Amino acid sequence: MKRVTLELDSDGFRELLTSQEVADLVEESAKQVAAAAEAVSIPGSVFVVKGPKRGGYGGGRVIAYVAADNVKASRSIIYKHALEKAINGSKG
């Protein structure tokens, strides 16, 4: 039986994780989370997407996050667990 050797292509992974295609996917996913959070929140809650931008972890991969943009959204995060529900896909 032949031995197989695998070699990690760090530069290739870095190129992939920092590509425009991945940035677009990260941004679209964050927008979906923001919309889902608004759907389970106190009426009038507004969530915004921050990013995509290059993060500091793992060689600078593309990141984005969702943040409350008003007091109602902040309260929804605390009292209704809006972001957790948005990420987990639950409606209640």
N, C-alpha and C. Protein backbone atom coordinates (compact mmCIF):
# COMPACT_ATOMS: atom_id res chain seq x y z
N MET A 1 0.85 -1.18 0.00
CA MET A 1 0.00 0.00 0.00
C MET A 1 0.89 1.24 0.00
N LYS A 2 0.55 2.21 -0.82
CA LYS A 2 1.33 3.44 -0.91
C LYS A 2 0.98 4.38 0.22
N ARG A 3 1.98 5.11 0.64
CA ARG A 3 1.76 6.15 1.65
C ARG A 3 1.33 7.43 0.94
N VAL A 4 0.36 8.10 1.55
CA VAL A 4 -0.12 9.36 1.01
C VAL A 4 0.27 10.47 1.98
N THR A 5 0.82 11.53 1.45
CA THR A 5 1.21 12.66 2.26
C THR A 5 0.35 13.86 1.88
N LEU A 6 -0.27 14.45 2.88
CA LEU A 6 -1.07 15.65 2.65
C LEU A 6 -0.28 16.85 3.13
N GLU A 7 -0.35 17.90 2.35
CA GLU A 7 0.37 19.12 2.71
C GLU A 7 -0.63 20.27 2.76
N LEU A 8 -0.63 20.99 3.86
CA LEU A 8 -1.53 22.13 4.04
C LEU A 8 -1.02 23.31 3.22
N ASP A 9 -1.91 23.86 2.41
CA ASP A 9 -1.57 25.03 1.60
C ASP A 9 -2.12 26.27 2.30
N SER A 10 -1.37 26.79 3.26
CA SER A 10 -1.81 27.93 4.07
C SER A 10 -2.14 29.15 3.21
N ASP A 11 -1.31 29.42 2.23
CA ASP A 11 -1.55 30.57 1.37
C ASP A 11 -2.86 30.40 0.59
N GLY A 12 -3.14 29.19 0.17
CA GLY A 12 -4.38 28.92 -0.56
C GLY A 12 -5.60 29.12 0.32
N PHE A 13 -5.54 28.63 1.57
CA PHE A 13 -6.65 28.83 2.50
C PHE A 13 -6.84 30.31 2.80
N ARG A 14 -5.75 31.02 3.00
CA ARG A 14 -5.84 32.46 3.27
C ARG A 14 -6.49 33.19 2.09
N GLU A 15 -6.08 32.82 0.89
CA GLU A 15 -6.65 33.44 -0.31
C GLU A 15 -8.15 33.16 -0.39
N LEU A 16 -8.54 31.94 -0.10
CA LEU A 16 -9.96 31.57 -0.12
C LEU A 16 -10.75 32.32 0.95
N LEU A 17 -10.25 32.32 2.18
CA LEU A 17 -10.99 32.92 3.29
C LEU A 17 -11.03 34.44 3.24
N THR A 18 -10.21 35.07 2.42
CA THR A 18 -10.23 36.52 2.28
C THR A 18 -10.77 36.97 0.92
N SER A 19 -11.32 36.05 0.15
CA SER A 19 -11.80 36.36 -1.20
C SER A 19 -13.10 37.17 -1.16
N GLN A 20 -13.39 37.83 -2.26
CA GLN A 20 -14.62 38.62 -2.38
C GLN A 20 -15.85 37.71 -2.31
N GLU A 21 -15.76 36.51 -2.85
CA GLU A 21 -16.88 35.58 -2.81
C GLU A 21 -17.25 35.21 -1.38
N VAL A 22 -16.24 34.96 -0.55
CA VAL A 22 -16.49 34.64 0.85
C VAL A 22 -17.03 35.87 1.57
N ALA A 23 -16.50 37.05 1.28
CA ALA A 23 -17.00 38.29 1.88
C ALA A 23 -18.47 38.50 1.55
N ASP A 24 -18.85 38.23 0.31
CA ASP A 24 -20.26 38.36 -0.10
C ASP A 24 -21.14 37.38 0.66
N LEU A 25 -20.68 36.16 0.81
CA LEU A 25 -21.43 35.13 1.53
C LEU A 25 -21.57 35.47 3.01
N VAL A 26 -20.50 35.96 3.62
CA VAL A 26 -20.53 36.36 5.03
C VAL A 26 -21.52 37.51 5.22
N GLU A 27 -21.48 38.49 4.32
CA GLU A 27 -22.39 39.63 4.43
C GLU A 27 -23.85 39.19 4.27
N GLU A 28 -24.12 38.35 3.30
CA GLU A 28 -25.49 37.87 3.08
C GLU A 28 -25.98 37.07 4.29
N SER A 29 -25.14 36.25 4.87
CA SER A 29 -25.52 35.48 6.06
C SER A 29 -25.83 36.41 7.23
N ALA A 30 -25.02 37.44 7.42
CA ALA A 30 -25.26 38.40 8.50
C ALA A 30 -26.57 39.16 8.27
N LYS A 31 -26.87 39.49 7.03
CA LYS A 31 -28.15 40.16 6.72
C LYS A 31 -29.33 39.25 7.06
N GLN A 32 -29.19 37.97 6.80
CA GLN A 32 -30.26 37.02 7.13
C GLN A 32 -30.45 36.93 8.64
N VAL A 33 -29.37 36.93 9.39
CA VAL A 33 -29.47 36.91 10.85
C VAL A 33 -30.14 38.18 11.35
N ALA A 34 -29.77 39.35 10.80
CA ALA A 34 -30.37 40.62 11.22
C ALA A 34 -31.87 40.62 10.94
N ALA A 35 -32.28 40.15 9.78
CA ALA A 35 -33.70 40.10 9.43
C ALA A 35 -34.45 39.13 10.35
N ALA A 36 -33.85 37.99 10.64
CA ALA A 36 -34.48 37.02 11.54
C ALA A 36 -34.60 37.58 12.94
N ALA A 37 -33.59 38.32 13.39
CA ALA A 37 -33.64 38.92 14.72
C ALA A 37 -34.76 39.95 14.81
N GLU A 38 -34.93 40.75 13.77
CA GLU A 38 -36.01 41.73 13.75
C GLU A 38 -37.38 41.04 13.78
N ALA A 39 -37.47 39.87 13.14
CA ALA A 39 -38.75 39.15 13.09
C ALA A 39 -39.19 38.63 14.45
N VAL A 40 -38.26 38.34 15.36
CA VAL A 40 -38.61 37.79 16.67
C VAL A 40 -38.48 38.84 17.78
N SER A 41 -38.27 40.09 17.41
CA SER A 41 -38.00 41.15 18.38
C SER A 41 -39.23 41.99 18.68
N ILE A 42 -39.03 42.89 19.63
CA ILE A 42 -40.03 43.91 19.94
C ILE A 42 -40.26 44.73 18.67
N PRO A 43 -41.52 44.98 18.30
CA PRO A 43 -41.77 45.78 17.09
C PRO A 43 -41.01 47.11 17.13
N GLY A 44 -40.41 47.46 16.01
CA GLY A 44 -39.61 48.67 15.92
C GLY A 44 -38.13 48.46 16.17
N SER A 45 -37.74 47.23 16.48
CA SER A 45 -36.32 46.93 16.69
C SER A 45 -35.59 46.99 15.36
N VAL A 46 -34.40 47.55 15.38
CA VAL A 46 -33.58 47.63 14.18
C VAL A 46 -32.21 47.02 14.46
N PHE A 47 -31.83 46.08 13.62
CA PHE A 47 -30.52 45.45 13.71
C PHE A 47 -29.73 45.79 12.45
N VAL A 48 -28.43 46.01 12.61
CA VAL A 48 -27.58 46.36 11.47
C VAL A 48 -26.42 45.38 11.37
N VAL A 49 -25.91 45.25 10.15
CA VAL A 49 -24.76 44.40 9.88
C VAL A 49 -23.51 45.26 9.90
N LYS A 50 -22.53 44.86 10.67
CA LYS A 50 -21.23 45.52 10.72
C LYS A 50 -20.25 44.64 9.96
N GLY A 51 -19.71 45.16 8.90
CA GLY A 51 -18.80 44.40 8.06
C GLY A 51 -19.43 44.15 6.71
N PRO A 52 -18.88 43.31 5.91
CA PRO A 52 -17.75 42.45 6.22
C PRO A 52 -16.45 43.24 6.26
N LYS A 53 -15.55 42.71 7.07
CA LYS A 53 -14.22 43.30 7.18
C LYS A 53 -13.24 42.18 7.50
N ARG A 54 -12.00 42.51 7.41
CA ARG A 54 -10.97 41.51 7.70
C ARG A 54 -10.74 41.44 9.20
N GLY A 55 -10.91 40.26 9.75
CA GLY A 55 -10.74 40.06 11.18
C GLY A 55 -9.30 39.77 11.54
N GLY A 56 -9.04 39.66 12.83
CA GLY A 56 -7.70 39.42 13.29
C GLY A 56 -7.41 37.96 13.62
N TYR A 57 -8.41 37.11 13.55
CA TYR A 57 -8.25 35.71 13.93
C TYR A 57 -8.01 34.86 12.70
N GLY A 58 -7.18 33.88 12.81
CA GLY A 58 -6.99 32.90 11.75
C GLY A 58 -6.40 33.47 10.47
N GLY A 59 -5.50 34.41 10.59
CA GLY A 59 -4.85 34.94 9.40
C GLY A 59 -5.61 36.05 8.72
N GLY A 60 -6.61 36.59 9.38
CA GLY A 60 -7.33 37.73 8.82
C GLY A 60 -8.51 37.36 7.95
N ARG A 61 -9.22 36.30 8.29
CA ARG A 61 -10.39 35.91 7.49
C ARG A 61 -11.47 36.97 7.56
N VAL A 62 -12.41 36.91 6.64
CA VAL A 62 -13.49 37.88 6.56
C VAL A 62 -14.52 37.59 7.65
N ILE A 63 -14.94 38.66 8.35
CA ILE A 63 -15.95 38.52 9.41
C ILE A 63 -17.02 39.59 9.23
N ALA A 64 -18.15 39.37 9.87
CA ALA A 64 -19.22 40.36 9.98
C ALA A 64 -20.00 40.01 11.24
N TYR A 65 -20.70 41.00 11.79
CA TYR A 65 -21.54 40.73 12.94
C TYR A 65 -22.79 41.59 12.90
N VAL A 66 -23.78 41.20 13.68
CA VAL A 66 -25.06 41.90 13.75
C VAL A 66 -25.12 42.62 15.08
N ALA A 67 -25.56 43.88 15.05
CA ALA A 67 -25.63 44.70 16.25
C ALA A 67 -26.98 45.39 16.35
N ALA A 68 -27.38 45.69 17.58
CA ALA A 68 -28.60 46.47 17.81
C ALA A 68 -28.35 47.90 17.37
N ASP A 69 -29.35 48.50 16.69
CA ASP A 69 -29.20 49.87 16.22
C ASP A 69 -30.11 50.84 16.96
N ASN A 70 -30.94 50.32 17.85
CA ASN A 70 -31.77 51.20 18.67
C ASN A 70 -32.06 50.52 20.01
N VAL A 71 -32.71 51.25 20.91
CA VAL A 71 -32.97 50.74 22.26
C VAL A 71 -33.88 49.51 22.23
N LYS A 72 -34.88 49.52 21.36
CA LYS A 72 -35.78 48.37 21.28
C LYS A 72 -35.02 47.10 20.89
N ALA A 73 -34.09 47.23 19.98
CA ALA A 73 -33.29 46.07 19.58
C ALA A 73 -32.40 45.61 20.74
N SER A 74 -31.83 46.55 21.46
CA SER A 74 -31.02 46.19 22.63
C SER A 74 -31.85 45.44 23.67
N ARG A 75 -33.06 45.93 23.90
CA ARG A 75 -33.95 45.24 24.85
C ARG A 75 -34.35 43.86 24.33
N SER A 76 -34.53 43.75 23.03
CA SER A 76 -34.88 42.45 22.44
C SER A 76 -33.76 41.44 22.60
N ILE A 77 -32.53 41.92 22.53
CA ILE A 77 -31.38 41.04 22.74
C ILE A 77 -31.39 40.52 24.18
N ILE A 78 -31.65 41.42 25.13
CA ILE A 78 -31.59 41.06 26.54
C ILE A 78 -32.79 40.22 26.97
N TYR A 79 -33.99 40.69 26.65
CA TYR A 79 -35.20 40.07 27.20
C TYR A 79 -35.85 39.01 26.31
N LYS A 80 -35.65 39.11 25.00
CA LYS A 80 -36.27 38.14 24.09
C LYS A 80 -35.25 37.21 23.43
N HIS A 81 -33.96 37.41 23.75
CA HIS A 81 -32.89 36.57 23.19
C HIS A 81 -32.97 36.54 21.67
N ALA A 82 -33.18 37.71 21.08
CA ALA A 82 -33.43 37.83 19.64
C ALA A 82 -32.31 37.28 18.78
N LEU A 83 -31.07 37.57 19.12
CA LEU A 83 -29.98 37.08 18.29
C LEU A 83 -29.81 35.58 18.38
N GLU A 84 -29.95 35.03 19.59
CA GLU A 84 -29.86 33.58 19.74
C GLU A 84 -30.96 32.89 18.94
N LYS A 85 -32.17 33.42 19.02
CA LYS A 85 -33.28 32.84 18.27
C LYS A 85 -33.05 32.96 16.78
N ALA A 86 -32.49 34.08 16.33
CA ALA A 86 -32.23 34.28 14.91
C ALA A 86 -31.20 33.28 14.41
N ILE A 87 -30.16 33.06 15.17
CA ILE A 87 -29.11 32.14 14.76
C ILE A 87 -29.60 30.70 14.80
N ASN A 88 -30.37 30.36 15.82
CA ASN A 88 -30.87 28.99 15.96
C ASN A 88 -32.09 28.70 15.13
N GLY A 89 -32.71 29.74 14.58
CA GLY A 89 -33.86 29.54 13.69
C GLY A 89 -35.18 29.34 14.40
N SER A 90 -35.26 29.62 15.70
CA SER A 90 -36.52 29.45 16.41
C SER A 90 -37.34 30.72 16.34
N LYS A 91 -38.65 30.58 16.41
CA LYS A 91 -39.57 31.71 16.29
C LYS A 91 -40.14 32.14 17.63
N GLY A 92 -40.03 31.34 18.66
CA GLY A 92 -40.68 31.63 19.92
C GLY A 92 -39.80 32.28 20.85
